[in-house]
Amino acid sequence: MTGALIRTNARSLALVSAVVLTSTITASVVQAQRDRGDSRDGRTQEQDNAFTWSGTIGSGKRALVKNINGAIYVERSTSGKVEITAMKQWRRGNPEDVRIEQKMTVNGDVVVCALWTEEARCDESGIQTDGRHRGRSDRNDVSVRFTVRVPDGVRVDLSTVNGALDVNGVSNEVRASTVNGSINAFSAGGPVRATTVNGSIHVSMGSLGSAEDLEYETTNGSVTVELPGNFGAQIDMSTVNGRVSTDFPITVSGTLSPQRLRGTLGNGATRMRISTVNGSITLRKRE
């Protein structure tokens, strides 16, 4: 009886150990799948924390981030420094084919760029390529997602081709440009400028700074612009498939139309143009 009991306990212990080991392996596999982002088509999305930079630049200087494939997110820094990180994501491509470069300009701005070819170069004006790179492809689907943190007073200049732009918690000028993606950009100061082609635009600013002309343009998407109550401008808003509306009293010039509004607001000191093809336009007072 004692021998049978020992054999039974050993067998039970082995069974329990196997169950625990199997559960541990299963949990590890699930966690690995979460970290790697398995997709519905069965291809695994890898990711890599590819780049980190932190440094101090003067108030009024610019943090410029230039991308091609991937979104850019901006938020307030609490360290007093500009902090920029980049994460590469891919399924088929080679992340080593994409490099991240950082440089300081003679004016004291910081420029960070994601570059897809050896010949590509980048400066304050943007990315220059040899024309052969067409962005995302079956062979190179690497994307780069930037997260940018800026302290109060630092200006932001962002551009990408395939990706959304999201800015919040800043206090100075914002310039945002993409082709395929929406733009949400909110500043306690300003001005804020934004353009895209396929995506909506929603911007908000607390002041115009020294702005002269402001332009917000997309083709497929709605546009919402929030402005301080004392804003004054010569305004031109137009859409093809949508409507225009405003919270501000505007002295209308020309024929009044649901799709077109031209006129003067306040002192008319600034010129503002807002346009889309497929979408509505809304001019709001900032709360």
Protein backbone atom coordinates (compact mmCIF):
# COMPACT_ATOMS: atom_id res chain seq x y z
CA MET A 1 0.00 0.00 0.00
CA THR A 2 2.77 2.40 0.85
CA GLY A 3 4.55 1.75 -2.45
CA ALA A 4 1.31 2.30 -4.41
CA LEU A 5 0.72 5.54 -2.55
CA ILE A 6 4.24 6.76 -3.36
CA ARG A 7 3.81 5.88 -7.03
CA THR A 8 0.44 7.65 -7.13
CA ASN A 9 1.86 10.79 -5.50
CA ALA A 10 4.80 10.84 -7.88
CA ARG A 11 2.47 10.49 -10.83
CA SER A 12 0.24 13.31 -9.49
CA LEU A 13 3.29 15.51 -8.89
CA ALA A 14 4.48 14.96 -12.44
CA LEU A 15 1.02 15.78 -13.77
CA VAL A 16 0.84 18.99 -11.72
CA SER A 17 4.33 19.99 -12.85
CA ALA A 18 3.39 19.43 -16.47
CA VAL A 19 0.25 21.55 -16.08
CA VAL A 20 2.21 24.37 -14.42
CA LEU A 21 4.91 24.22 -17.10
CA THR A 22 2.30 24.23 -19.88
CA SER A 23 0.50 27.20 -18.28
CA THR A 24 3.77 29.09 -17.95
CA ILE A 25 4.70 28.46 -21.58
CA THR A 26 1.19 29.43 -22.73
CA ALA A 27 1.30 32.66 -20.72
CA SER A 28 4.74 33.44 -22.11
CA VAL A 29 3.56 32.87 -25.67
CA VAL A 30 0.49 35.07 -25.12
CA GLN A 31 2.65 37.84 -23.66
CA ALA A 32 5.11 37.52 -26.54
CA GLN A 33 2.23 37.80 -29.00
CA ARG A 34 1.03 40.94 -27.24
CA ASP A 35 4.51 42.47 -27.29
CA ARG A 36 5.01 41.60 -30.94
CA GLY A 37 1.50 42.52 -32.04
CA ASP A 38 0.30 39.43 -33.98
CA SER A 39 -2.02 40.56 -36.77
CA ARG A 40 -5.17 38.98 -38.15
CA ASP A 41 -3.44 37.95 -41.35
CA GLY A 42 -1.04 35.79 -39.36
CA ARG A 43 1.98 38.05 -39.82
CA THR A 44 3.72 39.18 -36.68
CA GLN A 45 4.26 42.88 -36.16
CA GLU A 46 7.65 43.38 -34.58
CA GLN A 47 8.61 46.55 -32.75
CA ASP A 48 11.80 48.06 -31.45
CA ASN A 49 12.57 51.10 -29.31
CA ALA A 50 14.97 52.52 -31.85
CA PHE A 51 15.87 56.01 -30.70
CA THR A 52 15.95 58.26 -27.64
CA TRP A 53 17.20 61.84 -27.39
CA SER A 54 16.93 64.42 -24.62
CA GLY A 55 18.34 67.93 -24.52
CA THR A 56 17.74 71.55 -23.63
CA ILE A 57 16.92 74.22 -26.21
CA GLY A 58 15.97 77.83 -25.63
CA SER A 59 12.46 79.20 -25.37
CA GLY A 60 11.21 80.16 -28.82
CA LYS A 61 13.44 77.58 -30.53
CA ARG A 62 11.99 74.73 -32.56
CA ALA A 63 11.72 70.98 -32.21
CA LEU A 64 11.42 69.67 -35.79
CA VAL A 65 10.45 66.03 -36.43
CA LYS A 66 10.38 64.74 -40.01
CA ASN A 67 8.91 61.34 -40.86
CA ILE A 68 7.58 59.41 -43.86
CA ASN A 69 5.76 56.33 -42.53
CA GLY A 70 4.32 56.72 -39.07
CA ALA A 71 2.51 58.96 -36.63
CA ILE A 72 3.93 61.72 -34.43
CA TYR A 73 2.59 62.46 -30.93
CA VAL A 74 3.49 65.60 -28.97
CA GLU A 75 2.85 66.39 -25.32
CA ARG A 76 4.16 68.65 -22.58
CA SER A 77 7.52 67.91 -20.99
CA THR A 78 7.83 68.29 -17.22
CA SER A 79 11.62 67.95 -17.17
CA GLY A 80 12.42 71.29 -18.82
CA LYS A 81 14.01 69.36 -21.71
CA VAL A 82 12.93 68.30 -25.16
CA GLU A 83 12.53 64.51 -25.12
CA ILE A 84 12.13 62.55 -28.36
CA THR A 85 11.70 58.80 -28.69
CA ALA A 86 11.07 56.68 -31.79
CA MET A 87 9.68 53.17 -32.08
CA LYS A 88 10.04 51.12 -35.27
CA GLN A 89 7.26 48.71 -36.24
CA TRP A 90 7.27 46.22 -39.10
CA ARG A 91 6.01 42.87 -40.40
CA ARG A 92 7.99 42.20 -43.58
CA GLY A 93 10.63 44.91 -43.72
CA ASN A 94 14.10 45.24 -42.28
CA PRO A 95 14.26 47.86 -39.50
CA GLU A 96 17.99 48.29 -40.10
CA ASP A 97 17.14 49.88 -43.45
CA VAL A 98 15.60 52.82 -41.60
CA ARG A 99 17.83 55.13 -39.61
CA ILE A 100 17.03 57.94 -37.18
CA GLU A 101 19.20 61.05 -37.29
CA GLN A 102 19.38 64.01 -34.90
CA LYS A 103 21.18 67.32 -35.38
CA MET A 104 21.29 70.81 -33.95
CA THR A 105 21.00 73.78 -36.30
CA VAL A 106 23.05 76.96 -36.14
CA ASN A 107 19.92 78.71 -34.84
CA GLY A 108 19.67 76.38 -31.85
CA ASP A 109 16.79 74.23 -33.14
CA VAL A 110 16.79 70.44 -32.86
CA VAL A 111 15.95 68.34 -35.94
CA VAL A 112 15.13 64.60 -35.82
CA CYS A 113 14.41 62.62 -38.99
CA ALA A 114 13.50 59.07 -40.00
CA LEU A 115 15.28 58.15 -43.25
CA TRP A 116 14.52 55.14 -45.46
CA THR A 117 17.43 55.19 -47.94
CA GLU A 118 21.18 55.65 -47.68
CA GLU A 119 20.98 58.65 -50.00
CA ALA A 120 18.26 60.44 -48.00
CA ARG A 121 19.18 63.63 -46.21
CA CYS A 122 17.24 65.87 -43.87
CA ASP A 123 17.33 69.42 -42.56
CA GLU A 124 14.92 72.10 -41.34
CA SER A 125 13.14 72.14 -44.71
CA GLY A 126 12.37 68.41 -44.68
CA ILE A 127 13.57 65.09 -46.09
CA GLN A 128 15.33 64.97 -49.43
CA THR A 129 15.47 61.61 -51.24
CA ASP A 130 16.63 60.34 -54.62
CA GLY A 131 13.01 59.78 -55.67
CA ARG A 132 13.11 55.99 -55.58
CA HIS A 133 11.55 55.57 -52.16
CA ARG A 134 7.78 55.49 -52.34
CA GLY A 135 7.04 54.88 -48.70
CA ARG A 136 5.42 51.70 -47.44
CA SER A 137 5.74 48.61 -49.67
CA ASP A 138 5.52 44.83 -49.36
CA ARG A 139 9.30 44.64 -49.08
CA ASN A 140 9.77 47.49 -46.63
CA ASP A 141 6.75 48.20 -44.44
CA VAL A 142 8.76 49.66 -41.57
CA SER A 143 7.00 52.54 -39.84
CA VAL A 144 8.38 54.88 -37.19
CA ARG A 145 6.22 56.27 -34.41
CA PHE A 146 7.61 59.37 -32.70
CA THR A 147 6.73 60.62 -29.24
CA VAL A 148 7.87 64.19 -28.55
CA ARG A 149 7.76 66.04 -25.24
CA VAL A 150 8.45 69.77 -25.22
CA PRO A 151 8.63 72.27 -22.34
CA ASP A 152 6.72 75.55 -22.32
CA GLY A 153 7.88 78.07 -24.91
CA VAL A 154 9.29 75.61 -27.46
CA ARG A 155 7.83 75.70 -30.97
CA VAL A 156 6.90 72.49 -32.81
CA ASP A 157 7.30 71.69 -36.52
CA LEU A 158 6.06 68.25 -37.62
CA SER A 159 5.70 66.47 -40.94
CA THR A 160 4.99 62.95 -42.15
CA VAL A 161 3.44 61.32 -45.22
CA ASN A 162 1.56 58.30 -43.91
CA GLY A 163 0.47 58.94 -40.37
CA ALA A 164 -1.58 61.05 -37.99
CA LEU A 165 -0.28 64.05 -36.04
CA ASP A 166 -1.45 64.67 -32.49
CA VAL A 167 -0.29 67.70 -30.47
CA ASN A 168 -1.44 68.58 -26.97
CA GLY A 169 -0.10 70.43 -23.94
CA VAL A 170 2.17 72.88 -25.82
CA SER A 171 2.22 76.64 -25.41
CA ASN A 172 3.75 78.06 -28.58
CA GLU A 173 3.62 77.85 -32.37
CA VAL A 174 2.71 74.57 -34.08
CA ARG A 175 3.20 73.60 -37.73
CA ALA A 176 1.76 70.23 -38.74
CA SER A 177 1.69 68.62 -42.18
CA THR A 178 0.81 65.13 -43.39
CA VAL A 179 -0.70 63.51 -46.49
CA ASN A 180 -2.56 60.44 -45.27
CA GLY A 181 -3.70 61.10 -41.74
CA SER A 182 -5.72 63.35 -39.48
CA ILE A 183 -4.33 66.27 -37.48
CA ASN A 184 -5.31 67.23 -33.94
CA ALA A 185 -3.23 70.15 -32.66
CA PHE A 186 -4.00 72.18 -29.54
CA SER A 187 -1.82 74.96 -28.14
CA ALA A 188 -2.29 77.28 -25.17
CA GLY A 189 -0.48 79.85 -27.32
CA GLY A 190 -0.07 79.76 -31.06
CA PRO A 191 -0.43 80.17 -33.90
CA VAL A 192 -1.29 76.67 -35.15
CA ARG A 193 -1.08 75.77 -38.85
CA ALA A 194 -2.13 72.43 -40.36
CA THR A 195 -2.48 70.77 -43.78
CA THR A 196 -3.30 67.24 -44.92
CA VAL A 197 -4.94 65.54 -47.91
CA ASN A 198 -6.75 62.49 -46.59
CA GLY A 199 -7.86 63.24 -43.05
CA SER A 200 -9.69 65.68 -40.82
CA ILE A 201 -8.17 68.73 -39.12
CA HIS A 202 -8.98 69.97 -35.62
CA VAL A 203 -6.85 72.80 -34.26
CA SER A 204 -7.15 75.11 -31.27
CA MET A 205 -4.99 78.08 -30.23
CA GLY A 206 -5.02 80.56 -27.40
CA SER A 207 -3.32 83.35 -29.32
CA LEU A 208 -2.06 84.20 -32.79
CA GLY A 209 1.42 85.31 -31.79
CA SER A 210 2.88 87.23 -34.72
CA ALA A 211 0.94 85.26 -37.31
CA GLU A 212 0.30 86.85 -40.70
CA ASP A 213 -1.43 84.20 -42.82
CA LEU A 214 -3.14 81.08 -41.49
CA GLU A 215 -4.12 78.17 -43.73
CA TYR A 216 -5.94 74.90 -43.05
CA GLU A 217 -6.44 72.60 -46.02
CA THR A 218 -7.54 69.03 -46.67
CA THR A 219 -9.32 67.16 -49.46
CA ASN A 220 -11.12 64.34 -47.67
CA GLY A 221 -12.10 65.42 -44.19
CA SER A 222 -13.75 68.08 -42.07
CA VAL A 223 -11.96 71.10 -40.58
CA THR A 224 -12.58 72.59 -37.13
CA VAL A 225 -10.66 75.69 -36.03
CA GLU A 226 -10.98 77.07 -32.49
CA LEU A 227 -9.82 80.66 -31.89
CA PRO A 228 -9.79 83.19 -29.04
CA GLY A 229 -12.80 85.49 -28.77
CA ASN A 230 -10.82 88.62 -29.74
CA PHE A 231 -9.66 87.10 -33.01
CA GLY A 232 -9.75 89.30 -36.13
CA ALA A 233 -9.16 88.25 -39.72
CA GLN A 234 -10.09 88.33 -43.37
CA ILE A 235 -11.65 84.91 -43.74
CA ASP A 236 -12.17 82.62 -46.74
CA MET A 237 -13.85 79.26 -46.02
CA SER A 238 -14.94 76.88 -48.78
CA THR A 239 -16.09 73.30 -49.25
CA VAL A 240 -17.67 71.30 -52.08
CA ASN A 241 -19.48 68.51 -50.26
CA GLY A 242 -20.31 69.92 -46.83
CA ARG A 243 -21.29 73.11 -45.04
CA VAL A 244 -19.53 76.06 -43.39
CA SER A 245 -20.50 77.51 -40.01
CA THR A 246 -19.07 80.01 -37.54
CA ASP A 247 -19.52 81.14 -33.93
CA PHE A 248 -18.14 84.57 -34.85
CA PRO A 249 -20.09 87.52 -36.32
CA ILE A 250 -18.62 88.04 -39.79
CA THR A 251 -19.21 90.89 -42.21
CA VAL A 252 -19.87 88.92 -45.39
CA SER A 253 -18.31 89.82 -48.73
CA GLY A 254 -20.04 88.60 -51.91
CA THR A 255 -22.84 86.06 -52.10
CA LEU A 256 -23.68 84.06 -48.97
CA SER A 257 -23.57 80.30 -49.58
CA PRO A 258 -23.77 77.18 -47.36
CA GLN A 259 -20.50 76.01 -48.99
CA ARG A 260 -18.59 79.31 -49.11
CA LEU A 261 -18.07 82.15 -46.67
CA ARG A 262 -15.85 85.17 -47.26
CA GLY A 263 -15.77 88.19 -45.01
CA THR A 264 -14.12 90.21 -42.27
CA LEU A 265 -14.02 89.45 -38.59
CA GLY A 266 -12.97 92.15 -36.12
CA ASN A 267 -10.03 94.23 -37.29
CA GLY A 268 -9.25 91.87 -40.18
CA ALA A 269 -5.55 91.97 -39.31
CA THR A 270 -4.86 88.34 -40.27
CA ARG A 271 -5.73 86.45 -43.42
CA MET A 272 -7.20 82.98 -42.91
CA ARG A 273 -8.06 80.40 -45.55
CA ILE A 274 -9.85 77.14 -44.72
CA SER A 275 -10.73 74.65 -47.46
CA THR A 276 -11.83 71.08 -48.04
CA VAL A 277 -13.62 69.13 -50.75
CA ASN A 278 -15.39 66.38 -48.85
CA GLY A 279 -16.27 67.65 -45.40
CA SER A 280 -17.68 70.50 -43.36
CA ILE A 281 -15.89 73.54 -41.91
CA THR A 282 -16.52 74.93 -38.43
CA LEU A 283 -15.05 78.10 -36.92
CA ARG A 284 -15.43 78.07 -33.14
CA LYS A 285 -14.73 80.37 -30.22
CA ARG A 286 -12.22 78.81 -27.91
CA GLU A 287 -13.63 78.22 -24.44
